[in-house]
Amino acid sequence: STIQFAGTLHTTVVKQVRLRNPSSNTLGYNAFLVGRDADDFTLPKGNTVTIPPMKQGFLNVEFTIRFLHPAEAVLILISNKVDGIDGATLAFSLKSEVKNIDPI
């Protein structure tokens, strides 16, 4: 799945990734940003998320649009054992797009 970060040059765009836990056990994930422009993306609330049973959790991803060229990275979520259960590894493609340029 692809998460699109579109906005005005020099603005910050925040996207929230929603993770659902359909199981009866708590799930935990460690998040990693990898790829060509991974340093331009951040996880402002930290790189771990814990999801209680039958609930959902959220992970914020932030990107400041600094260049005209599209930025690309991959968000990888790797399960860490909570309650002795491993969840599936998840991956999301992150892409940016400049929609406008406002004079500074």
N, C-alpha and C. Protein backbone atom coordinates (compact mmCIF):
# COMPACT_ATOMS: atom_id res chain seq x y z
N SER A 1 0.84 -1.17 0.00
CA SER A 1 0.00 0.00 0.00
C SER A 1 0.89 1.24 0.00
N THR A 2 0.44 2.31 -0.63
CA THR A 2 1.21 3.54 -0.75
C THR A 2 0.56 4.65 0.06
N ILE A 3 1.39 5.38 0.80
CA ILE A 3 0.93 6.55 1.54
C ILE A 3 1.49 7.77 0.83
N GLN A 4 0.60 8.65 0.38
CA GLN A 4 0.98 9.81 -0.42
C GLN A 4 1.08 11.05 0.47
N PHE A 5 2.19 11.76 0.38
CA PHE A 5 2.42 13.01 1.12
C PHE A 5 2.42 14.13 0.09
N ALA A 6 1.29 14.80 -0.08
CA ALA A 6 1.15 15.87 -1.07
C ALA A 6 0.92 17.19 -0.36
N GLY A 7 1.57 18.24 -0.86
CA GLY A 7 1.38 19.54 -0.24
C GLY A 7 2.21 20.60 -0.91
N THR A 8 2.30 21.74 -0.24
CA THR A 8 3.03 22.90 -0.72
C THR A 8 4.50 22.78 -0.33
N LEU A 9 5.38 23.23 -1.21
CA LEU A 9 6.81 23.21 -0.95
C LEU A 9 7.09 23.91 0.39
N HIS A 10 7.94 23.34 1.20
CA HIS A 10 8.38 23.83 2.52
C HIS A 10 7.32 23.68 3.62
N THR A 11 6.31 22.86 3.39
CA THR A 11 5.33 22.59 4.45
C THR A 11 5.55 21.17 4.97
N THR A 12 5.00 20.92 6.15
CA THR A 12 5.10 19.59 6.76
C THR A 12 3.75 18.90 6.65
N VAL A 13 3.79 17.66 6.20
CA VAL A 13 2.59 16.85 6.04
C VAL A 13 2.69 15.68 7.02
N VAL A 14 1.63 15.45 7.79
CA VAL A 14 1.60 14.33 8.74
C VAL A 14 0.51 13.36 8.30
N LYS A 15 0.86 12.11 8.21
CA LYS A 15 -0.10 11.04 7.90
C LYS A 15 -0.15 10.09 9.08
N GLN A 16 -1.33 9.55 9.33
CA GLN A 16 -1.51 8.62 10.43
C GLN A 16 -1.82 7.24 9.86
N VAL A 17 -1.00 6.27 10.23
CA VAL A 17 -1.19 4.89 9.79
C VAL A 17 -1.99 4.18 10.87
N ARG A 18 -3.14 3.63 10.49
CA ARG A 18 -4.00 2.92 11.44
C ARG A 18 -3.73 1.42 11.33
N LEU A 19 -3.45 0.81 12.46
CA LEU A 19 -3.18 -0.62 12.52
C LEU A 19 -4.25 -1.29 13.37
N ARG A 20 -4.87 -2.31 12.84
CA ARG A 20 -5.92 -3.03 13.57
C ARG A 20 -5.38 -4.34 14.11
N ASN A 21 -5.86 -4.71 15.29
CA ASN A 21 -5.49 -5.98 15.89
C ASN A 21 -6.75 -6.82 16.06
N PRO A 22 -7.00 -7.76 15.16
CA PRO A 22 -8.20 -8.59 15.25
C PRO A 22 -8.05 -9.77 16.22
N SER A 23 -6.86 -9.94 16.79
CA SER A 23 -6.63 -11.11 17.64
C SER A 23 -6.98 -10.83 19.10
N SER A 24 -6.93 -11.86 19.91
CA SER A 24 -7.22 -11.72 21.34
C SER A 24 -5.94 -11.52 22.16
N ASN A 25 -4.83 -11.24 21.47
CA ASN A 25 -3.55 -10.98 22.13
C ASN A 25 -3.05 -9.58 21.78
N THR A 26 -2.26 -8.99 22.65
CA THR A 26 -1.66 -7.69 22.37
C THR A 26 -0.56 -7.85 21.32
N LEU A 27 -0.53 -6.91 20.36
CA LEU A 27 0.51 -6.91 19.34
C LEU A 27 1.39 -5.68 19.51
N GLY A 28 2.67 -5.82 19.24
CA GLY A 28 3.59 -4.70 19.29
C GLY A 28 4.40 -4.66 18.01
N TYR A 29 4.72 -3.45 17.55
CA TYR A 29 5.51 -3.28 16.34
C TYR A 29 6.62 -2.26 16.55
N ASN A 30 7.76 -2.51 15.91
CA ASN A 30 8.84 -1.54 15.79
C ASN A 30 8.83 -1.05 14.36
N ALA A 31 8.89 0.28 14.17
CA ALA A 31 8.83 0.88 12.84
C ALA A 31 10.21 1.32 12.40
N PHE A 32 10.50 1.11 11.12
CA PHE A 32 11.77 1.51 10.51
C PHE A 32 11.48 2.21 9.20
N LEU A 33 12.22 3.28 8.93
CA LEU A 33 12.13 3.97 7.65
C LEU A 33 13.40 3.66 6.86
N VAL A 34 13.24 3.13 5.66
CA VAL A 34 14.39 2.76 4.83
C VAL A 34 14.18 3.28 3.41
N GLY A 35 15.27 3.39 2.69
CA GLY A 35 15.18 3.79 1.29
C GLY A 35 15.92 5.08 1.01
N ARG A 36 15.87 5.48 -0.24
CA ARG A 36 16.62 6.61 -0.76
C ARG A 36 16.43 7.89 0.06
N ASP A 37 15.20 8.23 0.39
CA ASP A 37 14.90 9.49 1.08
C ASP A 37 14.38 9.26 2.50
N ALA A 38 14.75 8.15 3.10
CA ALA A 38 14.23 7.81 4.44
C ALA A 38 14.55 8.88 5.47
N ASP A 39 15.68 9.57 5.33
CA ASP A 39 16.06 10.60 6.30
C ASP A 39 15.12 11.80 6.28
N ASP A 40 14.35 11.97 5.22
CA ASP A 40 13.42 13.10 5.12
C ASP A 40 12.08 12.82 5.81
N PHE A 41 11.82 11.56 6.15
CA PHE A 41 10.60 11.18 6.86
C PHE A 41 10.94 10.95 8.32
N THR A 42 10.00 11.25 9.22
CA THR A 42 10.24 11.03 10.65
C THR A 42 9.02 10.38 11.28
N LEU A 43 9.26 9.79 12.44
CA LEU A 43 8.21 9.19 13.27
C LEU A 43 8.17 10.02 14.56
N PRO A 44 7.41 11.14 14.56
CA PRO A 44 7.49 12.11 15.67
C PRO A 44 7.06 11.56 17.02
N LYS A 45 6.24 10.55 17.05
CA LYS A 45 5.78 10.00 18.34
C LYS A 45 6.51 8.72 18.70
N GLY A 46 7.66 8.49 18.05
CA GLY A 46 8.45 7.30 18.35
C GLY A 46 8.24 6.20 17.34
N ASN A 47 9.09 5.17 17.45
CA ASN A 47 9.06 4.11 16.44
C ASN A 47 8.45 2.80 16.96
N THR A 48 7.72 2.86 18.07
CA THR A 48 7.04 1.65 18.55
C THR A 48 5.55 1.93 18.72
N VAL A 49 4.78 0.90 18.52
CA VAL A 49 3.33 1.00 18.73
C VAL A 49 2.85 -0.33 19.32
N THR A 50 2.00 -0.23 20.34
CA THR A 50 1.40 -1.41 20.96
C THR A 50 -0.10 -1.34 20.73
N ILE A 51 -0.66 -2.46 20.30
CA ILE A 51 -2.08 -2.50 19.96
C ILE A 51 -2.76 -3.53 20.85
N PRO A 52 -3.67 -3.07 21.72
CA PRO A 52 -4.40 -4.01 22.59
C PRO A 52 -5.27 -4.96 21.78
N PRO A 53 -5.68 -6.08 22.38
CA PRO A 53 -6.54 -7.04 21.68
C PRO A 53 -7.83 -6.40 21.19
N MET A 54 -8.21 -6.72 19.97
CA MET A 54 -9.46 -6.28 19.35
C MET A 54 -9.58 -4.75 19.26
N LYS A 55 -8.45 -4.06 19.25
CA LYS A 55 -8.44 -2.59 19.17
C LYS A 55 -7.59 -2.17 17.97
N GLN A 56 -7.33 -0.88 17.89
CA GLN A 56 -6.47 -0.35 16.84
C GLN A 56 -5.44 0.58 17.43
N GLY A 57 -4.34 0.72 16.74
CA GLY A 57 -3.26 1.63 17.15
C GLY A 57 -2.91 2.52 15.99
N PHE A 58 -2.21 3.61 16.30
CA PHE A 58 -1.87 4.59 15.27
C PHE A 58 -0.39 4.92 15.33
N LEU A 59 0.18 5.17 14.16
CA LEU A 59 1.58 5.56 14.03
C LEU A 59 1.61 6.77 13.11
N ASN A 60 2.17 7.88 13.60
CA ASN A 60 2.28 9.09 12.78
C ASN A 60 3.58 9.08 12.00
N VAL A 61 3.47 9.49 10.73
CA VAL A 61 4.64 9.65 9.86
C VAL A 61 4.60 11.10 9.36
N GLU A 62 5.75 11.78 9.47
CA GLU A 62 5.82 13.20 9.14
C GLU A 62 6.83 13.40 8.02
N PHE A 63 6.52 14.32 7.12
CA PHE A 63 7.41 14.62 6.01
C PHE A 63 7.37 16.12 5.73
N THR A 64 8.55 16.75 5.68
CA THR A 64 8.64 18.15 5.30
C THR A 64 9.11 18.22 3.85
N ILE A 65 8.29 18.85 3.01
CA ILE A 65 8.58 18.93 1.58
C ILE A 65 9.65 19.99 1.37
N ARG A 66 10.87 19.53 1.09
CA ARG A 66 12.00 20.45 0.96
C ARG A 66 12.48 20.61 -0.48
N PHE A 67 12.15 19.66 -1.35
CA PHE A 67 12.65 19.69 -2.72
C PHE A 67 11.49 19.46 -3.70
N LEU A 68 11.71 19.87 -4.94
CA LEU A 68 10.68 19.68 -5.96
C LEU A 68 10.57 18.22 -6.41
N HIS A 69 11.69 17.50 -6.37
CA HIS A 69 11.64 16.10 -6.83
C HIS A 69 10.88 15.24 -5.82
N PRO A 70 10.16 14.23 -6.29
CA PRO A 70 9.43 13.35 -5.37
C PRO A 70 10.38 12.57 -4.46
N ALA A 71 10.01 12.46 -3.21
CA ALA A 71 10.78 11.66 -2.25
C ALA A 71 10.12 10.29 -2.12
N GLU A 72 10.94 9.28 -1.88
CA GLU A 72 10.43 7.92 -1.72
C GLU A 72 11.15 7.22 -0.58
N ALA A 73 10.39 6.45 0.17
CA ALA A 73 10.95 5.64 1.25
C ALA A 73 9.97 4.49 1.51
N VAL A 74 10.37 3.61 2.42
CA VAL A 74 9.49 2.50 2.80
C VAL A 74 9.41 2.48 4.32
N LEU A 75 8.18 2.36 4.82
CA LEU A 75 7.93 2.19 6.25
C LEU A 75 7.74 0.70 6.49
N ILE A 76 8.60 0.12 7.31
CA ILE A 76 8.51 -1.31 7.63
C ILE A 76 8.14 -1.44 9.10
N LEU A 77 7.12 -2.23 9.38
CA LEU A 77 6.68 -2.51 10.75
C LEU A 77 6.96 -3.97 11.05
N ILE A 78 7.86 -4.19 12.01
CA ILE A 78 8.25 -5.56 12.38
C ILE A 78 7.70 -5.84 13.77
N SER A 79 7.00 -6.95 13.87
CA SER A 79 6.37 -7.33 15.13
C SER A 79 7.43 -7.66 16.18
N ASN A 80 7.17 -7.21 17.41
CA ASN A 80 7.99 -7.69 18.54
C ASN A 80 7.05 -8.46 19.44
N LYS A 81 7.54 -9.51 20.04
CA LYS A 81 6.66 -10.41 20.80
C LYS A 81 6.09 -9.73 22.03
N VAL A 82 4.77 -9.68 22.06
CA VAL A 82 4.02 -9.23 23.23
C VAL A 82 3.01 -10.34 23.47
N ASP A 83 2.86 -10.77 24.67
CA ASP A 83 1.98 -11.92 24.98
C ASP A 83 2.43 -13.18 24.24
N GLY A 84 3.72 -13.25 23.83
CA GLY A 84 4.24 -14.42 23.15
C GLY A 84 3.77 -14.59 21.72
N ILE A 85 3.14 -13.55 21.15
CA ILE A 85 2.57 -13.65 19.80
C ILE A 85 3.31 -12.70 18.86
N ASP A 86 3.62 -13.19 17.66
CA ASP A 86 4.19 -12.36 16.61
C ASP A 86 3.10 -11.98 15.62
N GLY A 87 3.09 -10.72 15.21
CA GLY A 87 2.18 -10.30 14.15
C GLY A 87 2.90 -10.36 12.82
N ALA A 88 2.18 -10.10 11.76
CA ALA A 88 2.76 -10.09 10.42
C ALA A 88 3.62 -8.85 10.23
N THR A 89 4.70 -8.98 9.46
CA THR A 89 5.51 -7.83 9.09
C THR A 89 4.75 -7.04 8.03
N LEU A 90 4.72 -5.72 8.20
CA LEU A 90 3.96 -4.85 7.30
C LEU A 90 4.91 -3.88 6.61
N ALA A 91 4.62 -3.52 5.36
CA ALA A 91 5.43 -2.55 4.64
C ALA A 91 4.52 -1.59 3.88
N PHE A 92 4.88 -0.31 3.91
CA PHE A 92 4.13 0.73 3.23
C PHE A 92 5.11 1.57 2.41
N SER A 93 4.75 1.86 1.18
CA SER A 93 5.54 2.75 0.34
C SER A 93 5.15 4.19 0.67
N LEU A 94 6.15 5.06 0.86
CA LEU A 94 5.92 6.47 1.17
C LEU A 94 6.40 7.29 -0.03
N LYS A 95 5.53 8.17 -0.54
CA LYS A 95 5.88 8.99 -1.70
C LYS A 95 5.39 10.41 -1.48
N SER A 96 6.19 11.37 -1.96
CA SER A 96 5.79 12.76 -1.82
C SER A 96 5.50 13.37 -3.19
N GLU A 97 4.73 14.46 -3.15
CA GLU A 97 4.41 15.18 -4.36
C GLU A 97 4.19 16.65 -4.00
N VAL A 98 4.84 17.55 -4.75
CA VAL A 98 4.65 18.98 -4.54
C VAL A 98 3.43 19.40 -5.33
N LYS A 99 2.44 19.96 -4.63
CA LYS A 99 1.20 20.41 -5.29
C LYS A 99 1.26 21.88 -5.65
N ASN A 100 1.92 22.74 -4.84
CA ASN A 100 2.07 24.16 -5.13
C ASN A 100 3.41 24.64 -4.61
N ILE A 101 3.72 25.84 -5.09
CA ILE A 101 4.91 26.54 -4.61
C ILE A 101 4.46 27.94 -4.21
N ASP A 102 4.53 28.26 -2.95
CA ASP A 102 4.19 29.59 -2.47
C ASP A 102 5.47 30.38 -2.28
N PRO A 103 5.49 31.65 -2.72
CA PRO A 103 6.70 32.45 -2.51
C PRO A 103 6.95 32.68 -1.02
N ILE A 104 8.23 32.69 -0.65
CA ILE A 104 8.60 32.91 0.75
C ILE A 104 8.90 34.38 0.96
